[in-house]
Amino acid sequence: MKDRVWWARPGFLAAGAFLLLVAILAIWIATSRTTSDATAPTTTTPGPPSQAGDGSPHTQPSSATTSTGDTPDVRVPDQAPADVAWTLWNGIALPSSPAAGPANVHDGLAEGYAHTPEGALVAATQIMYRVSGAKGRDVVERQVLAGAGRDRMLADMPTASTTPAPQLAGFKYTSYTGDRADIELVLKTADAQLGTLVVAMVWDDGDWRLMPTLQGQGATGYRYIPTMAGYVTWAGVQQ
């Protein structure tokens, strides 16, 4: 079935691509109403997102910080990037940063990220959501790593939906080597339920690209979480 975007398609553990995963997550969260007394850690509340433009500055992001020669510094930050601005895109607050990118936003694509952990984080978020836009096929073709997984994603591309997508709520790096980043993103539904999925990013041909599974899944490890404990709060919309 290809008549809805990834967050609105029904099913649980269905085969099919990245485009299904947030749908699965939203359904799982909605039907797994586990209550908890725990509260999220206190963080700085981001400012309201801008609704002007396409969501990102057009300045070139900085190159990777190096510790020795040309070797990327593989230390990951334990707090949210300090210079991020949030812009609404199709109702979703997307991050951009003069240091991390994207450097070039055009025709529904956001490209040009710094070869840093922050660059990978912003790229993962931008690409994950922009796949659902009118230029989603172009996003997959240009910003997803070439191979059988990308071919499967293209074969499963859906059309638009009016169902609201979960907003970004936070993140945690599960690994970072300089040329690959595995990032667990926290998503929050309109009724404040939380779930996570892991996005793998690879530095390829001068930019960060999403690396799908061979089955065309652009994210893995989706699960419900009761609180934000253990994650960095990072959001442009407070729910």
Protein backbone atom coordinates (compact mmCIF):
# COMPACT_ATOMS: atom_id res chain seq x y z
CA MET A 1 0.00 0.00 0.00
CA LYS A 2 1.58 3.30 -1.08
CA ASP A 3 -1.08 5.90 -0.48
CA ARG A 4 0.27 7.42 2.72
CA VAL A 5 3.54 8.84 3.99
CA TRP A 6 5.73 6.84 6.35
CA TRP A 7 4.24 8.04 9.65
CA ALA A 8 0.64 7.41 8.59
CA ARG A 9 0.83 3.93 7.15
CA PRO A 10 -0.72 1.12 9.19
CA GLY A 11 0.90 -2.10 10.29
CA PHE A 12 3.30 -3.39 12.90
CA LEU A 13 6.72 -4.82 12.01
CA ALA A 14 5.68 -4.69 8.37
CA ALA A 15 8.32 -5.27 5.76
CA GLY A 16 9.08 -2.20 3.71
CA ALA A 17 11.20 0.73 4.04
CA PHE A 18 12.24 3.56 6.18
CA LEU A 19 8.99 5.17 5.10
CA LEU A 20 7.08 2.78 7.41
CA LEU A 21 9.12 3.11 10.56
CA VAL A 22 7.72 6.28 12.08
CA ALA A 23 4.22 5.03 11.30
CA ILE A 24 4.98 1.88 13.22
CA LEU A 25 6.46 3.91 16.02
CA ALA A 26 3.45 6.23 16.25
CA ILE A 27 1.02 3.30 16.32
CA TRP A 28 3.11 1.47 18.90
CA ILE A 29 3.32 4.51 21.14
CA ALA A 30 -0.40 5.20 20.84
CA THR A 31 -1.29 1.64 21.88
CA SER A 32 1.38 1.18 24.56
CA ARG A 33 0.22 3.79 27.04
CA THR A 34 2.63 3.07 29.87
CA THR A 35 2.52 5.65 32.64
CA SER A 36 5.56 6.79 34.59
CA ASP A 37 6.33 9.13 37.50
CA ALA A 38 9.73 9.97 36.06
CA THR A 39 10.23 13.39 34.51
CA ALA A 40 12.53 14.51 31.75
CA PRO A 41 15.80 16.21 32.74
CA THR A 42 15.78 19.99 32.82
CA THR A 43 17.17 21.57 29.68
CA THR A 44 17.16 24.93 27.99
CA THR A 45 13.90 25.46 26.15
CA PRO A 46 14.45 26.28 22.47
CA GLY A 47 12.91 29.35 20.96
CA PRO A 48 9.89 29.13 18.68
CA PRO A 49 10.65 27.92 15.17
CA SER A 50 10.60 30.35 12.28
CA GLN A 51 8.14 29.75 9.48
CA ALA A 52 10.09 31.72 6.89
CA GLY A 53 12.25 30.19 4.18
CA ASP A 54 13.05 26.52 3.67
CA GLY A 55 14.64 25.86 7.01
CA SER A 56 18.38 26.37 6.94
CA PRO A 57 21.10 28.96 6.46
CA HIS A 58 23.09 28.99 3.23
CA THR A 59 26.52 29.46 4.79
CA GLN A 60 29.16 26.78 4.42
CA PRO A 61 29.39 24.65 7.58
CA SER A 62 32.75 24.29 9.27
CA SER A 63 34.99 21.29 8.65
CA ALA A 64 35.55 18.58 11.23
CA THR A 65 37.52 19.33 14.34
CA THR A 66 40.72 17.31 14.25
CA SER A 67 42.81 16.02 17.10
CA THR A 68 45.85 14.91 15.12
CA GLY A 69 46.51 15.86 11.52
CA ASP A 70 43.54 14.93 9.34
CA THR A 71 42.09 12.37 11.74
CA PRO A 72 38.53 13.33 12.71
CA ASP A 73 37.85 13.86 16.39
CA VAL A 74 35.47 11.02 17.28
CA ARG A 75 34.38 12.43 20.62
CA VAL A 76 30.63 13.01 20.66
CA PRO A 77 28.90 15.89 22.45
CA ASP A 78 26.81 15.21 25.53
CA GLN A 79 24.64 18.25 25.00
CA ALA A 80 22.61 19.77 22.20
CA PRO A 81 24.36 21.96 19.59
CA ALA A 82 24.39 25.54 20.82
CA ASP A 83 23.90 27.37 17.52
CA VAL A 84 20.81 25.61 16.16
CA ALA A 85 17.83 27.47 14.72
CA TRP A 86 14.50 25.72 14.16
CA THR A 87 12.30 26.25 11.12
CA LEU A 88 8.91 24.73 10.39
CA TRP A 89 8.85 22.52 7.31
CA ASN A 90 5.50 20.86 6.54
CA GLY A 91 4.59 21.34 10.20
CA ILE A 92 7.81 19.74 11.47
CA ALA A 93 10.49 21.74 13.29
CA LEU A 94 13.80 21.01 11.56
CA PRO A 95 17.21 22.11 12.86
CA SER A 96 19.92 24.04 11.05
CA SER A 97 23.27 25.39 12.18
CA PRO A 98 25.90 27.72 10.72
CA ALA A 99 28.56 25.27 11.93
CA ALA A 100 26.87 21.91 11.22
CA GLY A 101 24.76 22.71 8.14
CA PRO A 102 22.93 22.37 5.88
CA ALA A 103 24.84 24.77 3.65
CA ASN A 104 22.53 24.49 0.67
CA VAL A 105 18.73 24.25 0.76
CA HIS A 106 17.04 23.99 -2.63
CA ASP A 107 14.10 22.26 -4.29
CA GLY A 108 13.07 20.43 -1.12
CA LEU A 109 16.60 19.17 -0.38
CA ALA A 110 18.93 20.23 2.43
CA GLU A 111 22.56 19.36 1.67
CA GLY A 112 26.09 20.25 2.76
CA TYR A 113 26.86 19.16 6.32
CA ALA A 114 29.99 19.42 8.42
CA HIS A 115 32.10 16.28 8.88
CA THR A 116 31.38 16.32 12.61
CA PRO A 117 29.03 14.57 15.05
CA GLU A 118 26.78 17.63 14.98
CA GLY A 119 26.75 17.57 11.18
CA ALA A 120 25.66 13.94 11.20
CA LEU A 121 22.93 14.69 13.75
CA VAL A 122 21.42 17.57 11.78
CA ALA A 123 21.68 15.59 8.53
CA ALA A 124 19.93 12.57 10.03
CA THR A 125 17.01 14.69 11.14
CA GLN A 126 16.68 16.71 7.93
CA ILE A 127 16.88 13.67 5.65
CA MET A 128 14.55 11.50 7.74
CA TYR A 129 11.72 14.02 7.52
CA ARG A 130 12.32 15.44 4.04
CA VAL A 131 11.81 12.02 2.50
CA SER A 132 8.10 12.62 3.14
CA GLY A 133 7.97 15.85 1.14
CA ALA A 134 7.01 16.52 -2.45
CA LYS A 135 10.66 16.02 -3.42
CA GLY A 136 11.05 12.84 -1.37
CA ARG A 137 12.24 10.77 -4.31
CA ASP A 138 14.98 13.31 -5.02
CA VAL A 139 16.01 13.20 -1.35
CA VAL A 140 16.36 9.41 -1.49
CA GLU A 141 18.26 9.48 -4.77
CA ARG A 142 20.72 12.16 -3.63
CA GLN A 143 21.03 11.68 0.13
CA VAL A 144 20.65 7.95 0.73
CA LEU A 145 23.65 5.67 0.18
CA ALA A 146 23.44 3.90 -3.18
CA GLY A 147 22.69 0.18 -3.20
CA ALA A 148 19.95 -2.40 -2.88
CA GLY A 149 18.51 -0.70 0.20
CA ARG A 150 18.06 2.59 -1.61
CA ASP A 151 16.47 0.79 -4.56
CA ARG A 152 13.94 -0.78 -2.19
CA MET A 153 13.19 2.59 -0.61
CA LEU A 154 12.50 4.10 -4.03
CA ALA A 155 10.20 1.22 -4.91
CA ASP A 156 8.17 1.81 -1.73
CA MET A 157 7.80 5.58 -1.97
CA PRO A 158 4.32 6.69 -0.76
CA THR A 159 2.25 9.75 -1.53
CA ALA A 160 1.33 12.54 0.84
CA SER A 161 -0.90 12.39 3.91
CA THR A 162 -2.59 14.88 6.22
CA THR A 163 -1.74 12.79 9.29
CA PRO A 164 0.64 14.81 11.51
CA ALA A 165 4.11 13.36 11.99
CA PRO A 166 5.76 12.97 15.40
CA GLN A 167 8.09 15.85 16.27
CA LEU A 168 11.76 15.44 17.13
CA ALA A 169 12.26 15.43 20.90
CA GLY A 170 15.86 14.38 21.56
CA PHE A 171 18.81 12.21 20.63
CA LYS A 172 21.68 10.01 21.78
CA TYR A 173 24.77 8.93 19.83
CA THR A 174 25.11 5.16 19.98
CA SER A 175 28.41 5.22 18.06
CA TYR A 176 30.60 7.61 16.06
CA THR A 177 33.80 6.78 14.17
CA GLY A 178 34.31 9.92 12.11
CA ASP A 179 32.90 8.44 8.90
CA ARG A 180 29.87 6.70 10.40
CA ALA A 181 27.39 7.85 13.00
CA ASP A 182 24.64 5.78 14.58
CA ILE A 183 22.19 8.14 16.23
CA GLU A 184 19.12 7.27 18.27
CA LEU A 185 16.45 9.90 17.69
CA VAL A 186 13.57 10.42 20.09
CA LEU A 187 10.20 11.29 18.56
CA LYS A 188 7.17 12.65 20.38
CA THR A 189 3.57 12.30 19.24
CA ALA A 190 0.94 15.02 19.62
CA ASP A 191 -0.23 13.40 22.88
CA ALA A 192 3.32 13.44 24.30
CA GLN A 193 4.12 9.75 23.94
CA LEU A 194 7.78 8.94 23.23
CA GLY A 195 9.53 6.44 21.00
CA THR A 196 12.97 6.07 19.44
CA LEU A 197 14.62 4.78 16.29
CA VAL A 198 18.27 4.53 15.25
CA VAL A 199 19.48 6.20 12.05
CA ALA A 200 22.84 5.22 10.50
CA MET A 201 24.71 7.98 8.69
CA VAL A 202 27.82 7.51 6.50
CA TRP A 203 30.24 10.16 5.24
CA ASP A 204 30.30 9.59 1.48
CA ASP A 205 31.45 11.78 -1.39
CA GLY A 206 31.80 14.88 0.77
CA ASP A 207 28.54 14.77 2.70
CA TRP A 208 26.53 12.76 5.23
CA ARG A 209 24.16 10.21 3.70
CA LEU A 210 21.61 7.95 5.29
CA MET A 211 22.57 4.25 5.14
CA PRO A 212 19.50 2.00 4.80
CA THR A 213 19.27 -1.71 5.50
CA LEU A 214 19.19 -4.13 2.59
CA GLN A 215 15.41 -4.33 3.11
CA GLY A 216 15.11 -0.59 2.51
CA GLN A 217 14.65 0.44 6.12
CA GLY A 218 16.20 3.81 6.85
CA ALA A 219 16.05 3.30 10.60
CA THR A 220 16.14 0.39 13.02
CA GLY A 221 15.69 -0.39 16.70
CA TYR A 222 12.40 1.43 17.13
CA ARG A 223 10.97 1.15 20.63
CA TYR A 224 8.73 2.87 23.14
CA ILE A 225 10.38 4.78 26.01
CA PRO A 226 8.59 6.08 29.11
CA THR A 227 10.79 9.16 29.72
CA MET A 228 13.66 11.21 28.27
CA ALA A 229 16.08 9.90 30.89
CA GLY A 230 19.39 9.05 29.24
CA TYR A 231 18.73 11.20 26.16
CA VAL A 232 19.61 14.79 25.28
CA THR A 233 16.48 16.88 24.94
CA TRP A 234 16.51 18.59 21.55
CA ALA A 235 13.35 19.98 20.03
CA GLY A 236 11.96 22.97 18.19
CA VAL A 237 8.36 22.36 19.25
CA GLN A 238 7.24 21.85 22.83
CA GLN A 239 4.27 19.48 23.20
